[in-house]
């Protein structure tokens, strides 16, 4: 992808084309389904109440922990450990399903105690139903991971289309039928059924009795991944847990919807690469120059795509809530602004974990995740004294600063100069900085008394024009190089000049 690099081998060119095809397919699907999902979320939010969203948010805290436990890092192991024979894959498939069954049973056992903990009597039956997703999803863990390892991104994209179109429709119909929070729960179960059914249609793996002695090296790798992910889920859902315990149910609903609005557009970009990057890094895990090339170029594209969106949402957060959602969601304004800025900062560090897995640096990733969890949970508790906005601010303070420490290991693993990395990030940062100054000046000095809908529309248009113009003026040579690379790879030509 880097036009100044030496020409890759034919295998490298094939991998570039596979990566381009994967990003194109997955990106097109995720962004098209995101339009449907966003429209559905806005309509459902107008029908349901913050309390309905808050109840499902409480359930998601526990569900996220059990989902990580029931997956046990098996999917990452299948993608990264490319030397696994078929017999071990069959054993891992049976092992995965047994973990999924355990997750469903654990959800049933913990339903009533969690209802008492959150002081939410409606929560236990919701957990009993949504807990079925653990068993359903476990059936597709190994098959889906094999599809990713085999770079079958088109198939994975088609599966996402099915889920992305069906789930919002089911949720909306449930809300219109007066099911309240059950509409959200029904959407989760239907999503798991659709995804698993389509995955098994395209890729099936038989079962074999797991022999732990023969899977020792796989489980050691998975153990580091599992502990790291448990730490991740502890801080990823820790804000919801602390909010559910210390704030009102309506405040939790405000925070939950702000999280969805702030992170969904960014995650649609990072998730596109999350579907492609593990397979890509795994394929070149023994070729450090190629791995460094992909890491820098993907970081560059991430900041180019996510910085303007995250900063833009933060700049117009007040008008977004007031115009799109209505006055009953006024409590979401502060959290939305902070979480949007955090989402942009997190997007460029999302590649770190994939890199550590591909290079077998899972032990370092595990310990850093544990330390980050301790810092963030402390920040969430302190921030809760200032309500949902304080909890959101903790993300923006702690996570970016800690990422600087993780970057020290990235530099060592890739033999990467810090100046090269920060030069890549400038592709998105420069335009976002100028856009911030222009939009704030417009809103404070010109449009302070304008009708909110008109101010929102012009702010978005002005921000987009400013970002695009600034980026083109400062980085047009690099943008032309990227476009030329895309054309060459799309046409099957060489990946580098």
Protein backbone atom coordinates (compact mmCIF):
# COMPACT_ATOMS: atom_id res chain seq x y z
CA UNK A 1 0.00 0.00 0.00
CA UNK A 2 2.89 2.36 0.62
CA UNK A 3 3.95 3.71 -2.76
CA UNK A 4 7.48 4.32 -1.56
CA UNK A 5 8.05 0.71 -0.55
CA UNK A 6 9.74 -1.90 -2.66
CA UNK A 7 7.52 -3.91 -4.92
CA UNK A 8 5.82 -6.76 -3.06
CA UNK A 9 5.97 -10.35 -4.21
CA UNK A 10 3.11 -11.90 -6.14
CA UNK A 11 1.86 -13.33 -2.85
CA UNK A 12 1.94 -9.82 -1.38
CA UNK A 13 0.02 -8.44 -4.35
CA UNK A 14 -2.59 -11.18 -3.93
CA UNK A 15 -2.88 -10.30 -0.24
CA UNK A 16 -3.30 -6.62 -1.10
CA UNK A 17 -6.10 -7.48 -3.50
CA UNK A 18 -7.72 -9.72 -0.88
CA UNK A 19 -7.47 -6.93 1.68
CA UNK A 20 -8.94 -4.41 -0.73
CA UNK A 21 -11.76 -6.77 -1.66
CA UNK A 22 -12.44 -7.50 2.01
CA UNK A 23 -12.54 -3.84 3.02
CA UNK A 24 -14.73 -3.01 0.02
CA UNK A 25 -17.26 -5.77 0.69
CA UNK A 26 -17.35 -5.46 4.46
CA UNK A 27 -17.35 -1.66 4.31
CA UNK A 28 -20.17 -1.46 1.80
CA UNK A 29 -22.29 -3.84 3.85
CA UNK A 30 -21.64 -2.31 7.26
CA UNK A 31 -22.27 1.24 6.12
CA UNK A 32 -25.40 0.37 4.18
CA UNK A 33 -26.82 -1.63 7.08
CA UNK A 34 -25.77 1.14 9.47
CA UNK A 35 -28.14 3.49 7.70
CA UNK A 36 -30.96 1.04 8.38
CA UNK A 37 -29.78 0.51 11.96
CA UNK A 38 -29.53 4.23 12.70
CA UNK A 39 -32.95 4.91 11.24
CA UNK A 40 -34.37 2.06 13.28
CA UNK A 41 -32.62 3.25 16.47
CA UNK A 42 -33.98 6.78 16.11
CA UNK A 43 -37.54 5.55 15.46
CA UNK A 44 -37.39 3.00 18.29
CA UNK A 45 -35.96 5.67 20.64
CA UNK A 46 -38.99 7.84 19.94
CA UNK A 47 -41.33 4.94 20.72
CA UNK A 48 -39.58 3.50 23.78
CA UNK A 49 -38.38 5.29 26.90
CA UNK A 50 -34.89 5.81 28.36
CA UNK A 51 -35.86 3.26 31.04
CA UNK A 52 -36.42 0.58 28.38
CA UNK A 53 -32.96 1.18 26.94
CA UNK A 54 -31.52 1.28 30.45
CA UNK A 55 -32.87 -2.17 31.27
CA UNK A 56 -31.18 -3.75 28.24
CA UNK A 57 -28.00 -1.85 29.07
CA UNK A 58 -27.97 -3.48 32.51
CA UNK A 59 -28.39 -6.88 30.87
CA UNK A 60 -25.57 -6.19 28.41
CA UNK A 61 -23.05 -5.75 31.24
CA UNK A 62 -23.39 -9.36 32.33
CA UNK A 63 -23.92 -10.66 28.81
CA UNK A 64 -20.64 -9.18 27.62
CA UNK A 65 -18.67 -10.94 30.35
CA UNK A 66 -20.27 -14.31 29.70
CA UNK A 67 -19.87 -13.92 25.93
CA UNK A 68 -16.11 -13.50 26.36
CA UNK A 69 -15.96 -16.51 28.68
CA UNK A 70 -17.99 -18.68 26.35
CA UNK A 71 -15.82 -17.75 23.34
CA UNK A 72 -12.57 -18.32 25.31
CA UNK A 73 -10.41 -16.80 22.58
CA UNK A 74 -11.08 -19.78 20.31
CA UNK A 75 -11.86 -17.62 17.29
CA UNK A 76 -8.62 -15.65 17.58
CA UNK A 77 -6.63 -18.85 18.00
CA UNK A 78 -8.14 -20.36 14.84
CA UNK A 79 -7.27 -17.23 12.82
CA UNK A 80 -3.75 -16.77 14.21
CA UNK A 81 -2.51 -20.35 14.67
CA UNK A 82 -2.61 -21.27 11.01
CA UNK A 83 -0.81 -24.56 11.65
CA UNK A 84 -3.79 -26.19 13.41
CA UNK A 85 -4.77 -29.53 11.79
CA UNK A 86 -8.35 -30.49 10.99
CA UNK A 87 -8.68 -32.81 13.98
CA UNK A 88 -7.85 -30.00 16.41
CA UNK A 89 -10.30 -27.71 14.63
CA UNK A 90 -13.05 -30.28 15.18
CA UNK A 91 -12.08 -30.55 18.85
CA UNK A 92 -12.14 -26.77 19.20
CA UNK A 93 -15.60 -26.68 17.62
CA UNK A 94 -16.97 -29.11 20.21
CA UNK A 95 -15.16 -27.23 22.97
CA UNK A 96 -16.70 -23.95 21.79
CA UNK A 97 -20.26 -25.33 21.80
CA UNK A 98 -19.81 -26.74 25.30
CA UNK A 99 -18.70 -23.30 26.48
CA UNK A 100 -21.74 -21.73 24.82
CA UNK A 101 -24.05 -24.13 26.63
CA UNK A 102 -22.32 -23.23 29.88
CA UNK A 103 -22.87 -19.54 29.16
CA UNK A 104 -26.60 -20.06 28.64
CA UNK A 105 -26.88 -22.00 31.91
CA UNK A 106 -24.88 -19.34 33.76
CA UNK A 107 -27.22 -16.63 32.46
CA UNK A 108 -30.17 -18.57 33.84
CA UNK A 109 -28.50 -19.01 37.24
CA UNK A 110 -27.50 -15.35 37.55
CA UNK A 111 -30.73 -13.79 36.27
CA UNK A 112 -32.45 -13.31 39.63
CA UNK A 113 -29.33 -12.17 41.60
CA UNK A 114 -28.56 -9.58 38.92
CA UNK A 115 -32.12 -8.30 39.12
CA UNK A 116 -31.58 -7.72 42.85
CA UNK A 117 -28.17 -6.09 42.28
CA UNK A 118 -29.52 -3.57 39.77
CA UNK A 119 -32.81 -3.18 41.65
CA UNK A 120 -34.61 -4.04 38.41
CA UNK A 121 -37.39 -6.66 38.84
CA UNK A 122 -37.96 -6.84 35.06
CA UNK A 123 -34.36 -7.86 34.37
CA UNK A 124 -34.37 -11.65 35.21
CA UNK A 125 -36.79 -12.79 32.47
CA UNK A 126 -34.91 -10.68 29.93
CA UNK A 127 -31.63 -12.38 30.87
CA UNK A 128 -33.24 -15.81 30.58
CA UNK A 129 -34.25 -15.11 26.98
CA UNK A 130 -31.19 -13.22 25.82
CA UNK A 131 -28.96 -15.86 27.44
CA UNK A 132 -29.93 -18.25 24.65
CA UNK A 133 -27.65 -16.27 22.33
CA UNK A 134 -24.57 -17.82 23.99
CA UNK A 135 -25.43 -21.33 22.83
CA UNK A 136 -26.66 -20.15 19.43
CA UNK A 137 -23.54 -18.08 18.74
CA UNK A 138 -21.10 -20.79 19.88
CA UNK A 139 -22.18 -22.96 16.94
CA UNK A 140 -20.59 -20.50 14.49
CA UNK A 141 -17.39 -19.48 16.35
CA UNK A 142 -14.99 -21.87 14.58
CA UNK A 143 -16.73 -21.81 11.15
CA UNK A 144 -16.77 -17.99 11.08
CA UNK A 145 -13.12 -17.83 12.12
CA UNK A 146 -12.17 -20.20 9.30
CA UNK A 147 -14.01 -17.99 6.81
CA UNK A 148 -11.93 -15.05 8.04
CA UNK A 149 -8.67 -17.01 7.93
CA UNK A 150 -9.49 -18.08 4.37
CA UNK A 151 -10.12 -14.40 3.45
CA UNK A 152 -13.72 -15.11 2.38
CA UNK A 153 -14.83 -11.58 3.15
CA UNK A 154 -17.55 -11.53 0.51
CA UNK A 155 -19.33 -14.39 2.24
CA UNK A 156 -18.95 -12.74 5.64
CA UNK A 157 -20.32 -9.50 4.20
CA UNK A 158 -23.40 -11.24 2.85
CA UNK A 159 -24.01 -12.75 6.28
CA UNK A 160 -23.81 -9.27 7.79
CA UNK A 161 -26.34 -8.03 5.25
CA UNK A 162 -28.84 -10.63 6.40
CA UNK A 163 -28.40 -9.73 10.05
CA UNK A 164 -28.18 -5.99 9.48
CA UNK A 165 -31.47 -5.85 7.60
CA UNK A 166 -33.52 -8.27 9.68
CA UNK A 167 -32.65 -7.18 13.24
CA UNK A 168 -33.72 -3.49 12.94
CA UNK A 169 -37.00 -4.55 11.32
CA UNK A 170 -37.74 -7.08 14.08
CA UNK A 171 -36.89 -4.56 16.80
CA UNK A 172 -39.05 -1.86 15.23
CA UNK A 173 -42.01 -4.19 14.80
CA UNK A 174 -41.70 -5.25 18.43
CA UNK A 175 -41.62 -1.62 19.56
CA UNK A 176 -44.68 -0.79 17.45
CA UNK A 177 -46.45 -3.80 18.93
CA UNK A 178 -45.96 -2.37 22.42
CA UNK A 179 -43.38 -4.93 23.59
CA UNK A 180 -41.22 -2.18 25.15
CA UNK A 181 -37.82 -3.58 26.24
CA UNK A 182 -38.76 -7.01 24.91
CA UNK A 183 -38.44 -5.57 21.40
CA UNK A 184 -34.74 -4.95 22.05
CA UNK A 185 -34.25 -8.40 23.56
CA UNK A 186 -36.02 -10.05 20.64
CA UNK A 187 -33.72 -8.25 18.22
CA UNK A 188 -30.64 -9.69 19.98
CA UNK A 189 -31.90 -13.28 19.79
CA UNK A 190 -33.01 -13.00 16.18
CA UNK A 191 -29.62 -11.51 15.26
CA UNK A 192 -27.80 -14.49 16.77
CA UNK A 193 -30.05 -16.98 14.96
CA UNK A 194 -29.64 -15.29 11.59
CA UNK A 195 -25.85 -14.94 11.86
CA UNK A 196 -25.33 -18.52 13.00
CA UNK A 197 -27.68 -20.01 10.42
CA UNK A 198 -26.06 -18.20 7.51
CA UNK A 199 -22.54 -18.99 8.73
CA UNK A 200 -23.25 -22.71 9.01
CA UNK A 201 -24.82 -22.65 5.55
CA UNK A 202 -21.53 -21.42 4.06
CA UNK A 203 -18.99 -23.22 6.29
CA UNK A 204 -19.48 -26.26 8.47
CA UNK A 205 -17.04 -27.97 10.81
CA UNK A 206 -17.71 -31.37 12.33
CA UNK A 207 -17.18 -32.21 15.99
CA UNK A 208 -14.65 -34.36 17.83
CA UNK A 209 -14.26 -35.06 21.53
CA UNK A 210 -11.89 -32.44 22.95
CA UNK A 211 -8.58 -33.83 24.24
CA UNK A 212 -7.11 -31.15 26.46
CA UNK A 213 -3.61 -32.64 26.32
CA UNK A 214 -3.54 -32.18 22.55
CA UNK A 215 -4.85 -28.61 22.74
CA UNK A 216 -2.41 -27.31 25.37
CA UNK A 217 -0.61 -24.83 23.11
CA UNK A 218 -3.90 -23.57 21.70
CA UNK A 219 -5.45 -23.10 25.13
CA UNK A 220 -2.35 -21.30 26.45
CA UNK A 221 -2.66 -18.83 23.58
CA UNK A 222 -6.41 -18.60 24.16
CA UNK A 223 -5.91 -18.08 27.88
CA UNK A 224 -3.92 -14.89 27.34
CA UNK A 225 -6.52 -13.70 24.86
CA UNK A 226 -9.35 -14.63 27.25
CA UNK A 227 -7.88 -12.80 30.27
CA UNK A 228 -7.17 -9.76 28.10
CA UNK A 229 -10.71 -9.79 26.78
CA UNK A 230 -12.16 -10.20 30.27
CA UNK A 231 -10.22 -7.14 31.32
CA UNK A 232 -11.48 -5.41 28.17
CA UNK A 233 -15.09 -6.30 28.92
CA UNK A 234 -14.58 -5.21 32.55
CA UNK A 235 -13.78 -1.68 31.47
CA UNK A 236 -15.84 -1.75 28.26
CA UNK A 237 -19.00 -2.51 30.23
CA UNK A 238 -17.75 -1.23 33.58
CA UNK A 239 -19.13 2.20 32.81
CA UNK A 240 -22.59 0.70 32.28
CA UNK A 241 -22.30 -1.34 35.49
CA UNK A 242 -21.30 1.67 37.58
CA UNK A 243 -23.92 3.84 35.90
CA UNK A 244 -26.57 1.17 36.54
CA UNK A 245 -25.62 1.01 40.20
CA UNK A 246 -25.11 4.70 40.99
CA UNK A 247 -27.38 6.57 38.54
CA UNK A 248 -31.10 6.47 37.85
CA UNK A 249 -32.49 4.15 35.19
CA UNK A 250 -33.27 7.14 32.97
CA UNK A 251 -29.70 8.44 33.30
CA UNK A 252 -28.43 5.01 32.30
CA UNK A 253 -30.69 5.17 29.26
CA UNK A 254 -29.28 8.62 28.36
CA UNK A 255 -25.74 7.27 28.63
CA UNK A 256 -26.59 4.12 26.67
CA UNK A 257 -28.10 5.99 23.73
CA UNK A 258 -25.23 8.51 23.75
CA UNK A 259 -22.79 5.59 23.58
CA UNK A 260 -24.66 4.11 20.62
CA UNK A 261 -24.79 7.38 18.69
CA UNK A 262 -21.16 8.28 19.44
CA UNK A 263 -19.52 4.94 18.76
CA UNK A 264 -21.69 3.31 16.09
CA UNK A 265 -20.41 5.31 13.08
CA UNK A 266 -16.81 4.93 14.27
CA UNK A 267 -17.23 1.22 14.98
CA UNK A 268 -18.60 0.69 11.49
CA UNK A 269 -15.20 1.81 10.23
CA UNK A 270 -13.10 0.01 12.83
CA UNK A 271 -15.25 -3.12 12.59
CA UNK A 272 -14.66 -3.22 8.85
CA UNK A 273 -10.94 -3.43 9.55
CA UNK A 274 -11.49 -5.70 12.56
CA UNK A 275 -13.05 -8.23 10.21
CA UNK A 276 -10.13 -7.97 7.79
CA UNK A 277 -7.09 -7.05 9.90
CA UNK A 278 -6.65 -10.25 11.98
CA UNK A 279 -6.56 -12.36 8.82
CA UNK A 280 -4.27 -9.85 7.10
CA UNK A 281 -1.81 -9.58 10.01
CA UNK A 282 -1.89 -13.35 10.48
CA UNK A 283 -0.92 -13.92 6.84
CA UNK A 284 2.22 -11.74 7.17
CA UNK A 285 3.03 -12.42 10.83
CA UNK A 286 6.55 -13.61 9.92
CA UNK A 287 7.28 -10.72 7.52
CA UNK A 288 7.98 -7.64 9.65
CA UNK A 289 8.40 -5.13 6.78
CA UNK A 290 5.05 -6.18 5.30
CA UNK A 291 3.43 -6.13 8.73
CA UNK A 292 4.78 -2.62 9.37
CA UNK A 293 3.53 -1.48 5.96
CA UNK A 294 0.00 -2.71 6.62
CA UNK A 295 -0.04 -1.29 10.16
CA UNK A 296 0.98 2.22 9.06
CA UNK A 297 -1.31 2.32 6.06
CA UNK A 298 -4.34 1.03 7.95
CA UNK A 299 -3.67 3.55 10.75
CA UNK A 300 -3.56 6.29 8.12
CA UNK A 301 -6.87 5.27 6.59
CA UNK A 302 -8.50 4.91 9.99
CA UNK A 303 -7.71 8.44 11.11
CA UNK A 304 -8.70 9.82 7.71
CA UNK A 305 -12.15 8.22 8.04
CA UNK A 306 -12.89 8.49 11.77
CA UNK A 307 -11.44 11.80 12.99
CA UNK A 308 -13.88 14.05 11.07
CA UNK A 309 -16.88 11.97 12.14
CA UNK A 310 -16.00 11.79 15.84
CA UNK A 311 -15.00 15.45 16.12
CA UNK A 312 -18.03 16.49 14.07
CA UNK A 313 -20.47 14.64 16.34
CA UNK A 314 -18.91 16.26 19.40
CA UNK A 315 -19.16 19.73 17.87
CA UNK A 316 -22.89 19.46 17.10
CA UNK A 317 -23.92 17.11 19.93
CA UNK A 318 -26.39 19.59 21.47
CA UNK A 319 -28.26 20.14 18.22
CA UNK A 320 -28.16 16.43 17.29
CA UNK A 321 -29.96 15.51 20.51
CA UNK A 322 -32.40 18.39 20.41
CA UNK A 323 -33.37 18.09 16.75
CA UNK A 324 -33.17 14.34 16.11
CA UNK A 325 -34.17 12.79 19.46
CA UNK A 326 -36.22 15.45 21.19
CA UNK A 327 -36.08 17.22 24.56
CA UNK A 328 -36.65 14.09 26.66
CA UNK A 329 -33.09 12.99 25.78
CA UNK A 330 -31.42 16.25 26.92
CA UNK A 331 -29.32 14.28 29.43
CA UNK A 332 -27.48 12.59 26.55
CA UNK A 333 -25.83 15.80 25.26
CA UNK A 334 -22.78 15.83 27.55
CA UNK A 335 -22.03 12.09 27.31
CA UNK A 336 -22.43 12.22 23.52
CA UNK A 337 -19.77 14.92 23.12
CA UNK A 338 -17.18 13.20 25.33
CA UNK A 339 -17.84 9.71 23.98
CA UNK A 340 -17.58 10.90 20.38
CA UNK A 341 -14.11 12.36 21.00
CA UNK A 342 -13.07 9.19 22.80
CA UNK A 343 -14.32 7.03 19.93
CA UNK A 344 -12.10 8.91 17.49
CA UNK A 345 -9.05 8.53 19.72
CA UNK A 346 -9.75 4.83 20.26
CA UNK A 347 -10.19 4.12 16.56
CA UNK A 348 -6.51 4.57 15.71
CA UNK A 349 -5.41 2.31 18.57
CA UNK A 350 -7.81 -0.50 17.65
CA UNK A 351 -5.05 -2.06 15.54
CA UNK A 352 -2.77 -2.57 18.55
CA UNK A 353 -4.61 -5.64 19.82
CA UNK A 354 -4.67 -7.30 16.40
CA UNK A 355 -0.94 -6.67 16.05
CA UNK A 356 -0.14 -8.18 19.46
CA UNK A 357 -2.19 -11.30 18.67
CA UNK A 358 -0.55 -11.81 15.26
CA UNK A 359 2.95 -11.44 16.70
CA UNK A 360 2.18 -13.70 19.70
CA UNK A 361 2.57 -10.76 22.14
CA UNK A 362 -0.57 -11.90 23.92
CA UNK A 363 1.01 -11.91 27.38
CA UNK A 364 1.88 -8.20 27.13
CA UNK A 365 -1.60 -7.43 25.81
CA UNK A 366 -3.13 -9.35 28.71
CA UNK A 367 -1.29 -7.44 31.42
CA UNK A 368 -1.81 -4.04 29.84
CA UNK A 369 -5.54 -4.77 29.56
CA UNK A 370 -5.68 -5.64 33.25
CA UNK A 371 -3.92 -2.40 34.21
CA UNK A 372 -6.14 -0.33 31.93
CA UNK A 373 -9.23 -1.95 33.44
CA UNK A 374 -8.14 -0.93 36.95
CA UNK A 375 -7.51 2.68 35.88
CA UNK A 376 -10.74 3.05 33.92
CA UNK A 377 -12.97 1.51 36.58
CA UNK A 378 -11.51 3.93 39.09
CA UNK A 379 -12.16 6.76 36.64
CA UNK A 380 -15.77 5.66 36.08
CA UNK A 381 -16.48 5.59 39.81
CA UNK A 382 -14.98 9.04 40.37
CA UNK A 383 -16.75 10.38 37.28
CA UNK A 384 -20.12 9.03 38.45
CA UNK A 385 -20.25 11.84 41.03
CA UNK A 386 -20.86 14.12 38.02
CA UNK A 387 -23.46 11.80 36.51
CA UNK A 388 -23.42 10.27 33.03
CA UNK A 389 -21.25 13.11 31.68
CA UNK A 390 -18.56 12.42 34.29
CA UNK A 391 -18.42 8.72 33.41
CA UNK A 392 -18.08 9.59 29.72
CA UNK A 393 -15.27 12.06 30.48
CA UNK A 394 -13.29 9.30 32.22
CA UNK A 395 -12.99 7.47 28.88
CA UNK A 396 -11.49 10.52 27.20
CA UNK A 397 -8.98 11.15 29.99
CA UNK A 398 -7.67 7.66 30.75
CA UNK A 399 -7.77 5.59 27.55
CA UNK A 400 -5.79 7.83 25.14
CA UNK A 401 -3.07 8.46 27.74
CA UNK A 402 -2.66 4.75 28.43
CA UNK A 403 -2.46 4.01 24.70
CA UNK A 404 0.82 5.93 24.62
CA UNK A 405 2.30 3.22 26.85
CA UNK A 406 1.02 0.43 24.58
CA UNK A 407 2.57 2.19 21.61
CA UNK A 408 6.04 1.65 23.12
CA UNK A 409 5.62 -2.10 22.53
CA UNK A 410 4.20 -1.50 19.04
CA UNK A 411 7.38 0.41 18.16
CA UNK A 412 9.53 -2.44 19.44
CA UNK A 413 7.57 -5.18 17.68
CA UNK A 414 7.57 -3.42 14.31
CA UNK A 415 10.90 -1.56 14.63
CA UNK A 416 8.80 1.52 13.94
CA UNK A 417 9.84 5.14 14.32
CA UNK A 418 7.40 7.32 16.21
CA UNK A 419 7.70 10.07 13.63
CA UNK A 420 6.51 7.69 10.89
CA UNK A 421 3.43 6.79 12.91
CA UNK A 422 2.47 10.34 13.81
CA UNK A 423 3.05 11.43 10.22
CA UNK A 424 0.44 8.87 9.20
CA UNK A 425 -2.05 10.23 11.75
CA UNK A 426 -1.71 13.77 10.39
CA UNK A 427 -3.77 12.74 7.38
CA UNK A 428 -6.87 12.95 9.54
CA UNK A 429 -5.74 15.18 12.39
CA UNK A 430 -4.91 18.34 10.43
CA UNK A 431 -8.30 18.65 8.77
CA UNK A 432 -10.15 17.82 12.01
CA UNK A 433 -8.27 20.57 13.89
CA UNK A 434 -9.14 23.25 11.31
CA UNK A 435 -12.73 21.97 11.12
CA UNK A 436 -13.08 22.38 14.90
CA UNK A 437 -12.00 26.02 14.80
CA UNK A 438 -14.29 26.87 11.88
CA UNK A 439 -17.43 25.15 13.24
CA UNK A 440 -17.02 26.53 16.76
CA UNK A 441 -16.51 30.02 15.37
CA UNK A 442 -19.64 29.68 13.24
CA UNK A 443 -21.82 28.38 16.09
CA UNK A 444 -20.60 30.88 18.71
CA UNK A 445 -20.16 34.03 16.65
CA UNK A 446 -22.68 33.67 13.81
CA UNK A 447 -25.44 31.15 14.52
CA UNK A 448 -25.88 31.28 18.29
CA UNK A 449 -29.51 32.44 17.96
CA UNK A 450 -30.40 30.51 14.82
CA UNK A 451 -33.10 27.79 14.79
CA UNK A 452 -31.41 24.51 15.85
CA UNK A 453 -32.36 22.53 12.71
CA UNK A 454 -30.87 25.18 10.40
CA UNK A 455 -27.76 25.58 12.58
CA UNK A 456 -27.25 21.79 12.61
CA UNK A 457 -27.57 21.47 8.84
CA UNK A 458 -25.16 24.31 8.06
CA UNK A 459 -22.67 23.23 10.74
CA UNK A 460 -22.47 19.75 9.24
CA UNK A 461 -22.07 21.09 5.70
CA UNK A 462 -19.49 23.68 6.76
CA UNK A 463 -17.53 21.10 8.75
CA UNK A 464 -17.46 18.62 5.88
CA UNK A 465 -16.29 21.25 3.39
CA UNK A 466 -13.64 22.54 5.78
CA UNK A 467 -12.28 19.09 6.53
CA UNK A 468 -12.22 18.02 2.91
CA UNK A 469 -10.66 21.26 1.69
CA UNK A 470 -7.99 21.35 4.40
CA UNK A 471 -7.04 17.70 3.94
CA UNK A 472 -6.79 18.10 0.18
CA UNK A 473 -4.72 21.28 0.45
CA UNK A 474 -2.22 19.83 2.93
CA UNK A 475 -2.10 16.18 1.84
CA UNK A 476 -3.21 16.02 -1.79
CA UNK A 477 -0.03 14.20 -2.88
CA UNK A 478 -0.67 11.40 -0.39
CA UNK A 479 -4.37 11.25 -1.26
CA UNK A 480 -3.48 10.86 -4.93
CA UNK A 481 -1.08 8.04 -4.05
CA UNK A 482 -3.82 6.25 -2.10
CA UNK A 483 -6.30 6.60 -4.96
CA UNK A 484 -3.68 5.34 -7.43
CA UNK A 485 -3.00 2.33 -5.22
CA UNK A 486 -6.71 1.54 -5.01
CA UNK A 487 -7.02 1.69 -8.77
CA UNK A 488 -4.01 -0.56 -9.31
CA UNK A 489 -5.16 -3.18 -6.80
CA UNK A 490 -8.73 -3.10 -8.02
CA UNK A 491 -7.48 -3.70 -11.54
CA UNK A 492 -5.28 -6.59 -10.42
CA UNK A 493 -2.04 -4.68 -10.94
CA UNK A 494 0.99 -4.27 -8.72
CA UNK A 495 0.33 -3.12 -5.21
CA UNK A 496 3.19 -0.65 -5.17
CA UNK A 497 4.88 1.63 -7.66
